[in-house]
Amino acid sequence: MNNSVDIEQAVNDLQTMLDMVRWAVSQFNQAGLFYGHGTDNPWDEAVCLTLHTLNLPQDMLQQTGEQLFQARLTQTEKRDIATLVQRRAQERIPLPYLINQAWFCGLPFYVDERVLIPRSPFAELIEDKFAAWVTVPPTHILDLCTGGGCIAIALAYAFEDATVDAVDISTEALEVAEMNINEHQLSERVYPIQSDLLDALEGQKYDLIISNPPYVDAEDMADLPEEFHHEPELALAAGDDGLDLVHKMLRQAAAHLTDEGWLFVEVGNSQFHMEHVYPDLNLQWVEFTRGGHGVFAISRAELVAYFAS
């Protein structure tokens, strides 16, 4: 497949924003790209790339309608867009890494290749404030395997009286999390902590523990599209069944939950393995209205009862 992108031809022949977006879609289709890091199709990917490069807000089209597409672009603007299109098509780098920005729960976050790009269905739970499970607003929350801190920060926005510990084993990921915490001016409520799961949190108890840990099993790791190989493997791979970290987390969690506390964990496609390994554990699988799967909830009481037996 010929993935060459002729930047000079694009700069010389194309005129409007619509021209650039249409051309970008053609380049993406020719390259056979994979989507799923913020957009799920080449058109939205091209629009997102173009708006960001032009320093326009992502909701600009909602404000202006289709007429924005007729805006003529300068030579410099066209070259900047075409250069990013070339990198996306030829290097297969996910767009959020190219523009160092991703969105989660309607909030912008800095991302680079030290952290996963946020795409968790946890966003729906956070926006609903875990309404089906949490009746009293939590005051102490743990985001375990926080990566760039997106979930922790979104939790702080959702629960304005809570403090959030943002824990990760990766010091590089925590550097990104700290940047995002400072950008959102939440340094007095969200605390980045380096720990191998709960090992460094002795004596700490939480009303709510949220975790989107590495959960990709060996078979799925081997089949991942090239785009995913730009993400840190430490944040994806979790052994043959994808549950290496979850096994340890389940054993540790009860000691760190308050009496009415809940644990929520995303395991994605490894839900099958969870149901096979823990048939007698009373896991509540979350049903999402906006898409997504593989998130379970379990109370401290259920964890205590299971491991006591």
Protein backbone atom coordinates (compact mmCIF):
# COMPACT_ATOMS: atom_id res chain seq x y z
CA MET A 1 0.00 0.00 0.00
CA ASN A 2 1.34 3.43 -0.95
CA ASN A 3 1.14 5.66 2.10
CA SER A 4 2.98 8.63 0.60
CA VAL A 5 1.44 12.02 1.37
CA ASP A 6 2.21 14.88 -1.05
CA ILE A 7 2.31 17.91 1.22
CA GLU A 8 3.36 20.37 -1.49
CA GLN A 9 0.51 19.36 -3.78
CA ALA A 10 -1.98 19.80 -0.95
CA VAL A 11 -0.60 23.23 -0.05
CA ASN A 12 -0.64 24.42 -3.66
CA ASP A 13 -3.94 22.92 -4.87
CA LEU A 14 -6.28 23.06 -1.87
CA GLN A 15 -7.91 26.25 -0.63
CA THR A 16 -10.55 25.86 2.08
CA MET A 17 -10.90 24.08 5.38
CA LEU A 18 -13.32 21.66 3.66
CA ASP A 19 -10.68 20.93 1.02
CA MET A 20 -8.16 20.03 3.72
CA VAL A 21 -10.58 17.88 5.70
CA ARG A 22 -11.70 15.98 2.58
CA TRP A 23 -8.08 15.47 1.51
CA ALA A 24 -7.12 14.26 5.00
CA VAL A 25 -9.95 11.70 4.97
CA SER A 26 -8.70 10.39 1.64
CA GLN A 27 -5.16 10.06 3.01
CA PHE A 28 -6.41 8.26 6.13
CA ASN A 29 -8.53 5.86 4.07
CA GLN A 30 -5.62 5.12 1.76
CA ALA A 31 -3.41 4.36 4.77
CA GLY A 32 -6.02 2.06 6.34
CA LEU A 33 -5.76 3.66 9.78
CA PHE A 34 -7.33 2.40 13.00
CA TYR A 35 -9.50 4.75 15.06
CA GLY A 36 -10.54 4.54 18.69
CA HIS A 37 -8.39 7.09 20.51
CA GLY A 38 -10.97 9.85 20.68
CA THR A 39 -12.73 9.43 17.34
CA ASP A 40 -14.08 6.35 15.59
CA ASN A 41 -14.01 7.39 11.92
CA PRO A 42 -11.74 9.25 9.46
CA TRP A 43 -14.03 12.28 9.04
CA ASP A 44 -14.17 13.14 12.75
CA GLU A 45 -10.42 12.47 13.01
CA ALA A 46 -9.71 14.89 10.15
CA VAL A 47 -12.02 17.58 11.57
CA CYS A 48 -10.43 17.26 15.03
CA LEU A 49 -6.92 17.50 13.58
CA THR A 50 -7.80 20.52 11.44
CA LEU A 51 -9.57 22.48 14.19
CA HIS A 52 -6.71 21.89 16.62
CA THR A 53 -4.09 22.96 14.09
CA LEU A 54 -6.03 26.15 13.36
CA ASN A 55 -6.28 26.88 17.12
CA LEU A 56 -10.07 26.67 16.96
CA PRO A 57 -12.21 25.06 19.69
CA GLN A 58 -13.48 21.56 18.97
CA ASP A 59 -17.12 22.74 19.20
CA MET A 60 -16.57 25.55 16.68
CA LEU A 61 -18.68 23.85 14.00
CA GLN A 62 -21.64 23.72 16.39
CA GLN A 63 -21.38 27.50 16.72
CA THR A 64 -20.86 28.39 13.06
CA GLY A 65 -22.49 25.57 11.11
CA GLU A 66 -21.13 24.31 7.81
CA GLN A 67 -20.07 27.80 6.67
CA LEU A 68 -16.84 27.44 8.66
CA PHE A 69 -15.74 24.79 6.16
CA GLN A 70 -15.69 27.44 3.40
CA ALA A 71 -13.02 29.50 5.18
CA ARG A 72 -9.89 29.86 3.08
CA LEU A 73 -6.60 28.90 4.71
CA THR A 74 -3.16 30.46 4.51
CA GLN A 75 -0.21 28.59 3.02
CA THR A 76 1.25 28.15 6.51
CA GLU A 77 -2.01 26.75 7.90
CA LYS A 78 -2.33 24.28 5.03
CA ARG A 79 1.27 23.14 5.47
CA ASP A 80 0.80 22.65 9.23
CA ILE A 81 -2.34 20.56 8.66
CA ALA A 82 -0.75 18.53 5.85
CA THR A 83 2.33 17.80 7.95
CA LEU A 84 0.18 16.36 10.76
CA VAL A 85 -1.88 14.36 8.25
CA GLN A 86 1.37 12.93 6.87
CA ARG A 87 2.55 11.84 10.33
CA ARG A 88 -0.83 10.34 11.22
CA ALA A 89 -0.96 8.37 7.95
CA GLN A 90 2.64 7.23 7.70
CA GLU A 91 3.69 6.75 11.34
CA ARG A 92 0.22 5.62 12.55
CA ILE A 93 0.62 7.71 15.71
CA PRO A 94 -2.73 8.23 17.49
CA LEU A 95 -3.96 11.78 16.95
CA PRO A 96 -4.00 12.75 20.68
CA TYR A 97 -0.24 12.09 20.83
CA LEU A 98 0.34 14.25 17.75
CA ILE A 99 -1.57 17.20 19.21
CA ASN A 100 -0.82 16.40 22.90
CA GLN A 101 -4.46 16.67 23.83
CA ALA A 102 -7.27 14.26 24.70
CA TRP A 103 -10.74 14.78 26.11
CA PHE A 104 -12.39 12.87 28.96
CA CYS A 105 -15.67 13.74 30.71
CA GLY A 106 -15.78 16.89 28.59
CA LEU A 107 -12.42 18.04 29.99
CA PRO A 108 -9.15 18.58 28.07
CA PHE A 109 -6.00 16.78 29.15
CA TYR A 110 -2.35 16.79 28.12
CA VAL A 111 -1.20 13.37 26.86
CA ASP A 112 2.01 11.99 25.41
CA GLU A 113 3.47 8.51 24.96
CA ARG A 114 4.17 8.17 28.70
CA VAL A 115 0.46 7.55 29.34
CA LEU A 116 -2.56 5.84 27.81
CA ILE A 117 -5.01 7.96 25.85
CA PRO A 118 -8.22 8.15 27.94
CA ARG A 119 -11.19 6.32 26.43
CA SER A 120 -12.79 4.60 29.43
CA PRO A 121 -16.55 4.13 29.83
CA PHE A 122 -15.92 5.29 33.42
CA ALA A 123 -16.79 8.76 32.07
CA GLU A 124 -20.49 7.85 32.09
CA LEU A 125 -20.32 6.56 35.68
CA ILE A 126 -18.45 9.66 36.86
CA GLU A 127 -20.94 12.02 35.21
CA ASP A 128 -23.78 10.07 36.89
CA LYS A 129 -21.83 10.15 40.19
CA PHE A 130 -22.15 6.34 40.48
CA ALA A 131 -25.81 6.95 41.35
CA ALA A 132 -26.89 3.29 41.43
CA TRP A 133 -24.28 2.44 44.07
CA VAL A 134 -23.07 5.53 45.93
CA THR A 135 -25.74 7.17 48.10
CA VAL A 136 -23.51 9.39 50.25
CA PRO A 137 -21.01 11.61 48.39
CA PRO A 138 -17.51 10.18 48.97
CA THR A 139 -14.93 12.35 50.69
CA HIS A 140 -11.82 10.22 50.08
CA ILE A 141 -11.40 8.58 46.65
CA LEU A 142 -8.62 6.47 45.13
CA ASP A 143 -7.89 6.33 41.40
CA LEU A 144 -5.67 3.26 41.11
CA CYS A 145 -3.48 3.06 37.96
CA THR A 146 -4.19 6.72 37.24
CA GLY A 147 -1.91 7.16 34.21
CA GLY A 148 -2.23 10.78 33.12
CA GLY A 149 -4.68 11.54 35.92
CA CYS A 150 -7.79 12.00 33.78
CA ILE A 151 -10.10 9.83 35.88
CA ALA A 152 -8.80 11.28 39.16
CA ILE A 153 -9.34 14.84 37.96
CA ALA A 154 -12.80 14.08 36.57
CA LEU A 155 -13.70 12.54 39.95
CA ALA A 156 -12.56 15.72 41.71
CA TYR A 157 -14.85 17.77 39.48
CA ALA A 158 -17.78 15.40 40.11
CA PHE A 159 -17.33 15.28 43.90
CA GLU A 160 -16.36 18.80 44.90
CA ASP A 161 -15.81 18.00 48.59
CA ALA A 162 -13.60 14.96 47.99
CA THR A 163 -9.85 14.51 47.94
CA VAL A 164 -8.50 12.05 45.36
CA ASP A 165 -5.30 10.01 45.54
CA ALA A 166 -3.99 9.40 42.00
CA VAL A 167 -1.79 6.29 42.23
CA ASP A 168 0.44 4.69 39.62
CA ILE A 169 3.56 2.53 39.56
CA SER A 170 5.03 4.60 36.71
CA THR A 171 6.87 7.75 37.73
CA GLU A 172 6.75 8.89 34.09
CA ALA A 173 2.95 8.61 34.05
CA LEU A 174 2.76 10.53 37.33
CA GLU A 175 4.78 13.37 35.78
CA VAL A 176 2.00 13.73 33.20
CA ALA A 177 -0.67 13.42 35.89
CA GLU A 178 0.94 16.22 37.87
CA MET A 179 0.95 18.45 34.80
CA ASN A 180 -2.78 17.85 34.36
CA ILE A 181 -3.53 18.32 38.05
CA ASN A 182 -1.76 21.69 37.99
CA GLU A 183 -3.43 22.70 34.71
CA HIS A 184 -6.84 22.06 36.28
CA GLN A 185 -5.76 23.86 39.48
CA LEU A 186 -6.54 20.85 41.66
CA SER A 187 -3.19 20.38 43.42
CA GLU A 188 -4.86 20.86 46.83
CA ARG A 189 -7.38 18.07 46.23
CA VAL A 190 -5.74 15.55 43.84
CA TYR A 191 -2.50 13.94 44.98
CA PRO A 192 -0.20 11.91 42.69
CA ILE A 193 1.36 8.96 44.57
CA GLN A 194 3.85 6.37 43.32
CA SER A 195 2.85 2.88 44.43
CA ASP A 196 2.65 -0.70 43.17
CA LEU A 197 -1.12 -0.94 43.45
CA LEU A 198 -1.98 -0.43 47.16
CA ASP A 199 1.43 -1.33 48.60
CA ALA A 200 2.39 2.24 49.59
CA LEU A 201 -1.05 3.13 51.02
CA GLU A 202 -0.93 1.37 54.37
CA GLY A 203 -3.56 2.71 56.74
CA GLN A 204 -5.42 4.68 54.04
CA LYS A 205 -9.15 4.05 53.65
CA TYR A 206 -11.40 5.21 50.82
CA ASP A 207 -15.13 5.55 50.25
CA LEU A 208 -14.61 4.80 46.58
CA ILE A 209 -11.81 3.02 44.71
CA ILE A 210 -11.77 3.31 40.92
CA SER A 211 -9.33 1.42 38.74
CA ASN A 212 -8.72 1.20 35.02
CA PRO A 213 -5.67 -1.08 35.24
CA PRO A 214 -3.77 -2.88 32.50
CA TYR A 215 -6.11 -5.70 31.45
CA VAL A 216 -5.19 -6.76 27.89
CA ASP A 217 -4.54 -10.49 27.74
CA ALA A 218 -1.68 -12.03 25.76
CA GLU A 219 -3.85 -13.01 22.80
CA ASP A 220 -5.35 -9.53 22.39
CA MET A 221 -1.91 -7.87 22.83
CA ALA A 222 -0.65 -9.85 19.84
CA ASP A 223 -3.58 -8.65 17.73
CA LEU A 224 -3.59 -4.94 18.63
CA PRO A 225 -3.49 -2.46 15.70
CA GLU A 226 -0.24 -0.57 15.20
CA GLU A 227 -1.66 2.59 16.78
CA PHE A 228 -1.77 0.90 20.21
CA HIS A 229 1.93 0.10 20.11
CA HIS A 230 2.64 3.82 20.62
CA GLU A 231 1.02 3.50 24.06
CA PRO A 232 3.07 2.25 27.05
CA GLU A 233 2.91 -1.56 27.19
CA LEU A 234 3.08 -1.34 30.99
CA ALA A 235 -0.37 0.29 30.91
CA LEU A 236 -1.91 -2.34 28.61
CA ALA A 237 -0.53 -5.85 29.10
CA ALA A 238 -1.56 -7.94 32.12
CA GLY A 239 -0.51 -11.53 31.51
CA ASP A 240 -2.18 -14.50 29.86
CA ASP A 241 -5.69 -13.74 31.14
CA GLY A 242 -5.36 -9.95 31.51
CA LEU A 243 -5.98 -10.16 35.26
CA ASP A 244 -2.50 -10.10 36.81
CA LEU A 245 -3.17 -6.84 38.64
CA VAL A 246 -6.86 -7.48 39.32
CA HIS A 247 -6.15 -10.65 41.33
CA LYS A 248 -3.91 -8.67 43.70
CA MET A 249 -6.27 -5.69 43.78
CA LEU A 250 -9.23 -7.82 44.89
CA ARG A 251 -7.21 -9.30 47.76
CA GLN A 252 -5.99 -5.87 48.93
CA ALA A 253 -9.07 -3.70 48.41
CA ALA A 254 -11.21 -4.54 51.47
CA ALA A 255 -8.52 -3.33 53.86
CA HIS A 256 -8.57 0.06 52.11
CA LEU A 257 -12.34 0.57 51.83
CA THR A 258 -14.60 2.18 54.41
CA ASP A 259 -17.53 0.07 55.67
CA GLU A 260 -19.89 1.32 52.95
CA GLY A 261 -17.14 1.59 50.33
CA TRP A 262 -17.23 0.34 46.74
CA LEU A 263 -14.59 -0.88 44.31
CA PHE A 264 -15.07 -0.31 40.56
CA VAL A 265 -12.67 -1.95 38.11
CA GLU A 266 -12.52 -1.93 34.32
CA VAL A 267 -11.35 -5.21 32.77
CA GLY A 268 -12.66 -4.82 29.21
CA ASN A 269 -12.57 -8.01 27.17
CA SER A 270 -11.12 -9.84 30.18
CA GLN A 271 -14.66 -9.90 31.63
CA PHE A 272 -14.86 -13.46 30.27
CA HIS A 273 -11.81 -14.47 32.33
CA MET A 274 -13.21 -12.74 35.45
CA GLU A 275 -16.47 -14.65 35.26
CA HIS A 276 -14.56 -17.91 34.76
CA VAL A 277 -12.06 -17.37 37.61
CA TYR A 278 -14.51 -15.82 40.12
CA PRO A 279 -17.87 -17.54 39.51
CA ASP A 280 -18.89 -17.16 43.18
CA LEU A 281 -17.82 -13.53 43.63
CA ASN A 282 -20.85 -11.21 43.60
CA LEU A 283 -19.66 -8.86 40.85
CA GLN A 284 -22.13 -6.29 39.51
CA TRP A 285 -21.39 -5.67 35.82
CA VAL A 286 -22.20 -2.10 34.81
CA GLU A 287 -24.52 -1.56 31.85
CA PHE A 288 -23.64 1.59 29.90
CA THR A 289 -26.05 3.63 27.79
CA ARG A 290 -23.31 5.28 25.74
CA GLY A 291 -21.30 2.16 24.89
CA GLY A 292 -18.57 0.29 26.69
CA HIS A 293 -18.40 -2.87 28.74
CA GLY A 294 -16.25 -4.84 31.16
CA VAL A 295 -16.61 -2.69 34.30
CA PHE A 296 -17.62 -4.36 37.54
CA ALA A 297 -18.62 -2.99 40.95
CA ILE A 298 -18.28 -4.80 44.26
CA SER A 299 -18.86 -3.64 47.83
CA ARG A 300 -16.40 -3.99 50.67
CA ALA A 301 -18.86 -6.28 52.44
CA GLU A 302 -18.95 -8.68 49.49
CA LEU A 303 -15.14 -8.74 49.25
CA VAL A 304 -14.81 -9.49 52.97
CA ALA A 305 -17.37 -12.30 52.77
CA TYR A 306 -15.79 -13.87 49.69
CA PHE A 307 -12.22 -13.95 50.96
CA ALA A 308 -13.32 -15.05 54.44
CA SER A 309 -14.89 -18.14 52.91
